[in-house]
Structure formats: C-alpha cells, structure tokens
N, C-alpha and C. Protein backbone atom coordinates (compact mmCIF):
# COMPACT_ATOMS: atom_id res chain seq x y z
N MET A 1 2.64 14.58 -14.92
CA MET A 1 1.85 13.53 -14.33
C MET A 1 0.50 14.12 -13.91
N MET A 2 -0.53 13.53 -14.42
CA MET A 2 -1.88 13.93 -14.04
C MET A 2 -2.63 12.67 -13.64
N VAL A 3 -3.07 12.60 -12.40
CA VAL A 3 -3.81 11.44 -11.92
C VAL A 3 -5.27 11.62 -12.33
N SER A 4 -5.80 10.59 -13.00
CA SER A 4 -7.18 10.65 -13.49
C SER A 4 -8.17 10.29 -12.39
N THR A 5 -9.45 10.38 -12.72
CA THR A 5 -10.48 9.99 -11.76
C THR A 5 -10.35 8.51 -11.42
N LYS A 6 -9.90 7.70 -12.36
CA LYS A 6 -9.76 6.27 -12.09
C LYS A 6 -8.79 6.04 -10.93
N GLY A 7 -7.67 6.71 -10.95
CA GLY A 7 -6.69 6.58 -9.87
C GLY A 7 -7.19 7.14 -8.56
N ARG A 8 -7.80 8.31 -8.62
CA ARG A 8 -8.33 8.93 -7.40
C ARG A 8 -9.45 8.09 -6.80
N TYR A 9 -10.34 7.61 -7.65
CA TYR A 9 -11.46 6.80 -7.17
C TYR A 9 -10.97 5.45 -6.63
N ALA A 10 -9.95 4.88 -7.24
CA ALA A 10 -9.41 3.61 -6.75
C ALA A 10 -8.92 3.77 -5.31
N LEU A 11 -8.27 4.88 -5.02
CA LEU A 11 -7.82 5.13 -3.65
C LEU A 11 -9.02 5.29 -2.72
N ARG A 12 -10.04 6.02 -3.16
CA ARG A 12 -11.24 6.20 -2.34
C ARG A 12 -11.93 4.87 -2.08
N VAL A 13 -11.97 4.00 -3.07
CA VAL A 13 -12.59 2.68 -2.92
C VAL A 13 -11.81 1.86 -1.90
N MET A 14 -10.50 1.84 -2.02
CA MET A 14 -9.67 1.08 -1.09
C MET A 14 -9.86 1.58 0.34
N ILE A 15 -9.90 2.89 0.51
CA ILE A 15 -10.10 3.47 1.84
C ILE A 15 -11.49 3.12 2.37
N ASP A 16 -12.50 3.29 1.55
CA ASP A 16 -13.88 3.00 1.97
C ASP A 16 -14.03 1.55 2.40
N ILE A 17 -13.54 0.63 1.60
CA ILE A 17 -13.65 -0.79 1.93
C ILE A 17 -12.86 -1.10 3.21
N ALA A 18 -11.69 -0.47 3.36
CA ALA A 18 -10.90 -0.68 4.58
C ALA A 18 -11.64 -0.14 5.80
N GLN A 19 -12.30 1.00 5.67
CA GLN A 19 -13.03 1.59 6.79
C GLN A 19 -14.22 0.74 7.22
N HIS A 20 -14.71 -0.08 6.32
CA HIS A 20 -15.89 -0.90 6.61
C HIS A 20 -15.55 -2.39 6.68
N LYS A 21 -14.28 -2.70 6.95
CA LYS A 21 -13.86 -4.10 6.95
C LYS A 21 -14.52 -4.91 8.05
N ASP A 22 -14.97 -4.26 9.12
CA ASP A 22 -15.66 -4.99 10.19
C ASP A 22 -17.00 -5.55 9.73
N GLN A 23 -17.51 -5.07 8.60
CA GLN A 23 -18.77 -5.55 8.04
C GLN A 23 -18.55 -6.80 7.16
N GLY A 24 -17.30 -7.18 6.98
CA GLY A 24 -17.00 -8.30 6.08
C GLY A 24 -16.98 -7.79 4.65
N PHE A 25 -17.60 -8.53 3.76
CA PHE A 25 -17.65 -8.12 2.37
C PHE A 25 -18.59 -6.91 2.23
N VAL A 26 -18.12 -5.90 1.53
CA VAL A 26 -18.84 -4.64 1.37
C VAL A 26 -19.41 -4.58 -0.04
N SER A 27 -20.69 -4.25 -0.15
CA SER A 27 -21.31 -4.20 -1.48
C SER A 27 -20.85 -2.96 -2.23
N LEU A 28 -20.69 -3.12 -3.53
CA LEU A 28 -20.31 -1.97 -4.37
C LEU A 28 -21.39 -0.91 -4.36
N LYS A 29 -22.63 -1.33 -4.21
CA LYS A 29 -23.73 -0.36 -4.16
C LYS A 29 -23.53 0.60 -2.98
N ASP A 30 -23.15 0.05 -1.83
CA ASP A 30 -22.91 0.89 -0.66
C ASP A 30 -21.72 1.82 -0.88
N VAL A 31 -20.67 1.29 -1.46
CA VAL A 31 -19.48 2.12 -1.74
C VAL A 31 -19.86 3.22 -2.72
N ALA A 32 -20.59 2.87 -3.77
CA ALA A 32 -21.00 3.85 -4.79
C ALA A 32 -21.80 4.98 -4.16
N GLU A 33 -22.69 4.64 -3.26
CA GLU A 33 -23.51 5.67 -2.61
C GLU A 33 -22.67 6.56 -1.70
N ARG A 34 -21.83 5.93 -0.89
CA ARG A 34 -21.00 6.72 0.03
C ARG A 34 -20.01 7.61 -0.71
N GLN A 35 -19.43 7.10 -1.79
CA GLN A 35 -18.38 7.83 -2.51
C GLN A 35 -18.91 8.64 -3.69
N GLU A 36 -20.19 8.51 -3.97
CA GLU A 36 -20.81 9.23 -5.09
C GLU A 36 -20.08 8.95 -6.41
N ILE A 37 -19.90 7.65 -6.67
CA ILE A 37 -19.27 7.17 -7.89
C ILE A 37 -20.31 6.31 -8.60
N SER A 38 -20.41 6.45 -9.91
CA SER A 38 -21.39 5.64 -10.64
C SER A 38 -21.03 4.16 -10.51
N MET A 39 -22.06 3.32 -10.45
CA MET A 39 -21.85 1.88 -10.31
C MET A 39 -21.02 1.32 -11.46
N LYS A 40 -21.31 1.77 -12.66
CA LYS A 40 -20.60 1.25 -13.83
C LYS A 40 -19.10 1.53 -13.72
N TYR A 41 -18.75 2.76 -13.36
CA TYR A 41 -17.34 3.13 -13.22
C TYR A 41 -16.72 2.39 -12.04
N LEU A 42 -17.47 2.27 -10.96
CA LEU A 42 -16.98 1.58 -9.77
C LEU A 42 -16.73 0.10 -10.06
N GLU A 43 -17.58 -0.53 -10.84
CA GLU A 43 -17.38 -1.93 -11.22
C GLU A 43 -16.09 -2.11 -12.00
N LEU A 44 -15.79 -1.17 -12.88
CA LEU A 44 -14.55 -1.21 -13.66
C LEU A 44 -13.33 -1.12 -12.73
N ILE A 45 -13.38 -0.19 -11.80
CA ILE A 45 -12.26 0.02 -10.87
C ILE A 45 -12.11 -1.19 -9.94
N ALA A 46 -13.22 -1.70 -9.42
CA ALA A 46 -13.17 -2.86 -8.53
C ALA A 46 -12.61 -4.08 -9.26
N ALA A 47 -12.96 -4.23 -10.51
CA ALA A 47 -12.45 -5.36 -11.30
C ALA A 47 -10.93 -5.27 -11.45
N ILE A 48 -10.42 -4.08 -11.69
CA ILE A 48 -8.97 -3.87 -11.81
C ILE A 48 -8.28 -4.23 -10.49
N LEU A 49 -8.82 -3.73 -9.39
CA LEU A 49 -8.24 -3.99 -8.07
C LEU A 49 -8.34 -5.47 -7.69
N ASN A 50 -9.44 -6.09 -8.08
CA ASN A 50 -9.65 -7.51 -7.78
C ASN A 50 -8.67 -8.38 -8.58
N ARG A 51 -8.53 -8.10 -9.88
CA ARG A 51 -7.60 -8.87 -10.72
C ARG A 51 -6.17 -8.76 -10.23
N ALA A 52 -5.82 -7.61 -9.67
CA ALA A 52 -4.46 -7.40 -9.18
C ALA A 52 -4.23 -8.03 -7.80
N GLY A 53 -5.30 -8.53 -7.20
CA GLY A 53 -5.17 -9.16 -5.89
C GLY A 53 -5.24 -8.20 -4.72
N TYR A 54 -5.69 -6.98 -4.95
CA TYR A 54 -5.81 -6.00 -3.87
C TYR A 54 -7.14 -6.18 -3.13
N LEU A 55 -8.14 -6.68 -3.85
CA LEU A 55 -9.45 -6.95 -3.27
C LEU A 55 -9.79 -8.41 -3.44
N LYS A 56 -10.61 -8.90 -2.54
CA LYS A 56 -11.22 -10.23 -2.68
C LYS A 56 -12.70 -9.99 -2.92
N SER A 57 -13.30 -10.85 -3.74
CA SER A 57 -14.72 -10.69 -4.03
C SER A 57 -15.48 -11.96 -3.67
N LYS A 58 -16.75 -11.76 -3.41
CA LYS A 58 -17.65 -12.87 -3.10
C LYS A 58 -19.00 -12.57 -3.71
N ARG A 59 -19.55 -13.54 -4.41
CA ARG A 59 -20.86 -13.37 -5.03
C ARG A 59 -21.97 -13.74 -4.05
N GLY A 60 -23.16 -13.28 -4.39
CA GLY A 60 -24.33 -13.68 -3.61
C GLY A 60 -24.86 -12.59 -2.70
N LYS A 61 -25.85 -12.96 -1.93
CA LYS A 61 -26.56 -12.01 -1.06
C LYS A 61 -25.62 -11.33 -0.06
N THR A 62 -24.69 -12.08 0.49
CA THR A 62 -23.75 -11.51 1.46
C THR A 62 -22.42 -11.18 0.80
N GLY A 63 -22.43 -11.07 -0.50
CA GLY A 63 -21.20 -10.84 -1.25
C GLY A 63 -20.79 -9.38 -1.29
N GLY A 64 -19.73 -9.16 -2.00
CA GLY A 64 -19.18 -7.82 -2.15
C GLY A 64 -17.67 -7.91 -2.25
N TYR A 65 -17.00 -6.91 -1.70
CA TYR A 65 -15.54 -6.84 -1.77
C TYR A 65 -14.96 -6.56 -0.40
N MET A 66 -13.76 -7.06 -0.20
CA MET A 66 -12.98 -6.72 0.99
C MET A 66 -11.52 -6.64 0.58
N LEU A 67 -10.73 -5.95 1.38
CA LEU A 67 -9.29 -5.88 1.10
C LEU A 67 -8.69 -7.27 1.20
N ALA A 68 -7.73 -7.55 0.36
CA ALA A 68 -7.04 -8.84 0.37
C ALA A 68 -5.92 -8.86 1.41
N GLY A 69 -5.84 -7.85 2.22
CA GLY A 69 -4.84 -7.74 3.27
C GLY A 69 -5.24 -6.61 4.20
N GLU A 70 -4.29 -6.13 4.93
CA GLU A 70 -4.53 -5.00 5.83
C GLU A 70 -4.27 -3.69 5.10
N PRO A 71 -4.88 -2.60 5.55
CA PRO A 71 -4.68 -1.30 4.87
C PRO A 71 -3.22 -0.88 4.75
N GLU A 72 -2.39 -1.29 5.70
CA GLU A 72 -0.97 -0.94 5.64
C GLU A 72 -0.20 -1.77 4.61
N ASP A 73 -0.84 -2.82 4.08
CA ASP A 73 -0.19 -3.66 3.08
C ASP A 73 -0.21 -3.06 1.68
N PHE A 74 -0.99 -2.02 1.47
CA PHE A 74 -1.15 -1.43 0.14
C PHE A 74 -0.70 0.02 0.17
N ASN A 75 0.14 0.39 -0.80
CA ASN A 75 0.58 1.78 -0.82
C ASN A 75 -0.02 2.53 -2.01
N VAL A 76 -0.04 3.83 -1.88
CA VAL A 76 -0.64 4.71 -2.88
C VAL A 76 0.02 4.53 -4.24
N GLY A 77 1.34 4.42 -4.26
CA GLY A 77 2.06 4.30 -5.52
C GLY A 77 1.61 3.10 -6.33
N GLU A 78 1.48 1.94 -5.67
CA GLU A 78 1.10 0.74 -6.41
C GLU A 78 -0.34 0.82 -6.91
N VAL A 79 -1.23 1.41 -6.14
CA VAL A 79 -2.62 1.56 -6.58
C VAL A 79 -2.68 2.51 -7.78
N LEU A 80 -1.97 3.62 -7.71
CA LEU A 80 -1.99 4.57 -8.82
C LEU A 80 -1.31 4.00 -10.07
N LYS A 81 -0.21 3.30 -9.91
CA LYS A 81 0.44 2.70 -11.08
C LYS A 81 -0.45 1.65 -11.73
N LEU A 82 -1.18 0.92 -10.91
CA LEU A 82 -2.10 -0.09 -11.42
C LEU A 82 -3.20 0.56 -12.26
N THR A 83 -3.76 1.65 -11.77
CA THR A 83 -4.89 2.27 -12.45
C THR A 83 -4.48 3.28 -13.51
N GLU A 84 -3.34 3.92 -13.32
CA GLU A 84 -2.90 4.95 -14.25
C GLU A 84 -1.94 4.42 -15.31
N GLY A 85 -1.25 3.36 -14.99
CA GLY A 85 -0.26 2.82 -15.92
C GLY A 85 1.11 3.41 -15.69
N SER A 86 1.21 4.71 -15.64
CA SER A 86 2.50 5.36 -15.46
C SER A 86 2.29 6.64 -14.65
N LEU A 87 3.27 6.93 -13.82
CA LEU A 87 3.27 8.19 -13.07
C LEU A 87 4.43 9.08 -13.51
N ALA A 88 4.98 8.77 -14.69
CA ALA A 88 6.13 9.52 -15.20
C ALA A 88 5.78 11.00 -15.33
N PRO A 89 6.72 11.86 -14.97
CA PRO A 89 6.45 13.30 -15.02
C PRO A 89 6.43 13.88 -16.44
N VAL A 90 7.03 13.17 -17.39
CA VAL A 90 7.03 13.63 -18.79
C VAL A 90 6.73 12.43 -19.69
N THR A 91 6.10 12.70 -20.81
CA THR A 91 5.64 11.62 -21.68
C THR A 91 6.77 10.76 -22.23
N CYS A 92 7.94 11.34 -22.45
CA CYS A 92 9.03 10.54 -23.03
C CYS A 92 9.51 9.43 -22.09
N MET A 93 9.17 9.52 -20.81
CA MET A 93 9.59 8.50 -19.84
C MET A 93 8.50 7.47 -19.57
N GLU A 94 7.31 7.66 -20.09
CA GLU A 94 6.18 6.83 -19.72
C GLU A 94 6.37 5.34 -19.96
N LYS A 95 6.75 4.95 -21.12
CA LYS A 95 6.80 3.53 -21.44
C LYS A 95 8.17 2.90 -21.26
N THR A 96 9.20 3.59 -21.68
CA THR A 96 10.53 2.98 -21.68
C THR A 96 11.54 3.71 -20.82
N GLY A 97 11.13 4.78 -20.18
CA GLY A 97 12.09 5.54 -19.38
C GLY A 97 13.18 6.15 -20.23
N CYS A 98 12.86 6.51 -21.45
CA CYS A 98 13.75 7.13 -22.43
C CYS A 98 14.72 6.15 -23.08
N VAL A 99 14.61 4.87 -22.77
CA VAL A 99 15.45 3.88 -23.44
C VAL A 99 15.08 3.89 -24.92
N GLY A 100 16.07 4.03 -25.76
CA GLY A 100 15.83 4.05 -27.20
C GLY A 100 15.57 5.45 -27.75
N CYS A 101 15.48 6.43 -26.89
CA CYS A 101 15.26 7.79 -27.37
C CYS A 101 16.55 8.30 -28.00
N LYS A 102 16.45 8.77 -29.22
CA LYS A 102 17.66 9.22 -29.92
C LYS A 102 18.25 10.49 -29.31
N ARG A 103 17.48 11.22 -28.53
CA ARG A 103 17.97 12.45 -27.91
C ARG A 103 18.44 12.25 -26.47
N ALA A 104 18.23 11.06 -25.90
CA ALA A 104 18.54 10.84 -24.48
C ALA A 104 20.00 11.19 -24.14
N GLY A 105 20.92 10.87 -25.00
CA GLY A 105 22.33 11.14 -24.74
C GLY A 105 22.68 12.62 -24.69
N GLU A 106 21.88 13.44 -25.33
CA GLU A 106 22.15 14.89 -25.36
C GLU A 106 21.06 15.70 -24.67
N CYS A 107 20.18 15.01 -23.95
CA CYS A 107 19.07 15.69 -23.27
C CYS A 107 19.55 16.20 -21.91
N TYR A 108 19.69 17.51 -21.80
CA TYR A 108 20.17 18.12 -20.56
C TYR A 108 19.15 18.04 -19.43
N THR A 109 17.88 17.86 -19.78
CA THR A 109 16.84 17.83 -18.75
C THR A 109 16.55 16.41 -18.24
N LEU A 110 17.04 15.41 -18.95
CA LEU A 110 16.74 14.02 -18.57
C LEU A 110 17.11 13.69 -17.12
N PRO A 111 18.30 14.05 -16.63
CA PRO A 111 18.62 13.73 -15.23
C PRO A 111 17.62 14.33 -14.24
N MET A 112 17.12 15.52 -14.54
CA MET A 112 16.13 16.15 -13.67
C MET A 112 14.83 15.34 -13.66
N TRP A 113 14.37 14.92 -14.85
CA TRP A 113 13.13 14.15 -14.94
C TRP A 113 13.28 12.79 -14.26
N VAL A 114 14.44 12.16 -14.41
CA VAL A 114 14.69 10.87 -13.78
C VAL A 114 14.64 11.02 -12.26
N LYS A 115 15.28 12.07 -11.75
CA LYS A 115 15.27 12.30 -10.30
C LYS A 115 13.86 12.61 -9.80
N LEU A 116 13.12 13.42 -10.54
CA LEU A 116 11.75 13.74 -10.15
C LEU A 116 10.89 12.48 -10.13
N ASP A 117 11.06 11.62 -11.13
CA ASP A 117 10.32 10.37 -11.20
C ASP A 117 10.60 9.50 -9.98
N LYS A 118 11.86 9.41 -9.58
CA LYS A 118 12.24 8.63 -8.40
C LYS A 118 11.66 9.25 -7.13
N MET A 119 11.63 10.57 -7.06
CA MET A 119 11.07 11.24 -5.89
C MET A 119 9.56 10.98 -5.78
N ILE A 120 8.88 11.07 -6.90
CA ILE A 120 7.43 10.81 -6.92
C ILE A 120 7.17 9.38 -6.49
N ASP A 121 7.87 8.43 -7.11
CA ASP A 121 7.69 7.02 -6.76
C ASP A 121 7.98 6.77 -5.28
N GLY A 122 9.07 7.31 -4.80
CA GLY A 122 9.45 7.12 -3.40
C GLY A 122 8.42 7.67 -2.44
N TYR A 123 7.92 8.85 -2.75
CA TYR A 123 6.92 9.48 -1.88
C TYR A 123 5.62 8.69 -1.88
N LEU A 124 5.10 8.40 -3.06
CA LEU A 124 3.81 7.70 -3.14
C LEU A 124 3.90 6.28 -2.61
N ASP A 125 5.05 5.63 -2.80
CA ASP A 125 5.23 4.28 -2.27
C ASP A 125 5.37 4.27 -0.75
N SER A 126 5.66 5.42 -0.16
CA SER A 126 5.84 5.50 1.30
C SER A 126 4.52 5.73 2.03
N ILE A 127 3.43 5.93 1.30
CA ILE A 127 2.13 6.22 1.91
C ILE A 127 1.22 5.01 1.74
N SER A 128 0.76 4.46 2.84
CA SER A 128 -0.14 3.31 2.78
C SER A 128 -1.60 3.77 2.81
N ILE A 129 -2.48 2.85 2.50
CA ILE A 129 -3.92 3.13 2.62
C ILE A 129 -4.24 3.48 4.07
N ARG A 130 -3.61 2.79 5.02
CA ARG A 130 -3.82 3.12 6.44
C ARG A 130 -3.39 4.56 6.73
N ASP A 131 -2.25 4.98 6.17
CA ASP A 131 -1.79 6.37 6.37
C ASP A 131 -2.86 7.35 5.91
N LEU A 132 -3.45 7.09 4.74
CA LEU A 132 -4.49 7.98 4.24
C LEU A 132 -5.70 7.98 5.17
N MET A 133 -6.07 6.82 5.65
CA MET A 133 -7.23 6.70 6.55
C MET A 133 -7.01 7.50 7.84
N GLU A 134 -5.77 7.49 8.32
CA GLU A 134 -5.45 8.13 9.59
C GLU A 134 -4.92 9.55 9.44
N GLY A 135 -4.79 10.02 8.19
CA GLY A 135 -4.28 11.37 7.97
C GLY A 135 -2.80 11.50 8.22
N ASN A 136 -2.05 10.40 8.15
CA ASN A 136 -0.60 10.41 8.38
C ASN A 136 0.15 10.60 7.08
N VAL A 137 -0.02 11.73 6.46
CA VAL A 137 0.65 12.02 5.20
C VAL A 137 1.54 13.22 5.43
N GLY A 138 2.84 12.96 5.40
CA GLY A 138 3.76 14.05 5.70
C GLY A 138 4.71 14.36 4.61
C-alpha cells in the first residue's frame, strides 16, 4: 500500500477547511496557498470530496468549500479509500480481495495479507479528521 499525493492532499484539505470552518465557506485559493498545492490539483481533489458528500460548495464571491459535517464525522480510512481506490497491502487483493484467484486456495500467505488488510482498515477508520487536527493519533 502506497498512499499517493492525492490521498495525502485530500487529508490536508479536509483538515485545513475544518480548521477554518469559523470563516464559513473557504476559498480553494486560500487553501492552495496555505497548503502549497497547485490550484488545478486542488480543484480535482475538492471535486472528488464534494461529489462524495464530504464537502459542500457554494459559488460566487462568498463561495468556496466547507465540511459537510463535523471533523469527527469523517475518518482517514474513508477519505483515503475515496481518493486512492484501494488500501490493499498487495495487488492481488486490490479489486476482488482474491476472489476468483486460481491460487487463493493454496496461497499460504493469503491469511496474513487478509489480516493485515483488516488491521490497516481498522486503524485508519479509527482516526477522524478531528483526531488529526488535535494530534490524537495513537
């Protein structure tokens, strides 16, 4: 599992917007400047988060983005799965979880990968955006 810049930046965007929620809708330009992310890439990430219902958007002079809930309502696992597609530790588990693999029945390492996948999911799903903001990652 390798988390790309898209996944890492999506978390930074969620945190940044949450930190500035008292301002109402936050402009992507401000987020781009604070996070040092190109506007074009940031627009792509914001669109993904908006389509998934994690962000709300508003057009116009006072427009921008805000969280569609509270920071504790969103966990790291769901943001990363949304942007990365899969967090599987090995490629054979990415799309089907080895369903249909002709070697699955004789794969001695499969139980280890399945357990690791569950551990990763459990850990990342247990961390909220609020936890990241407050440094509560244990």
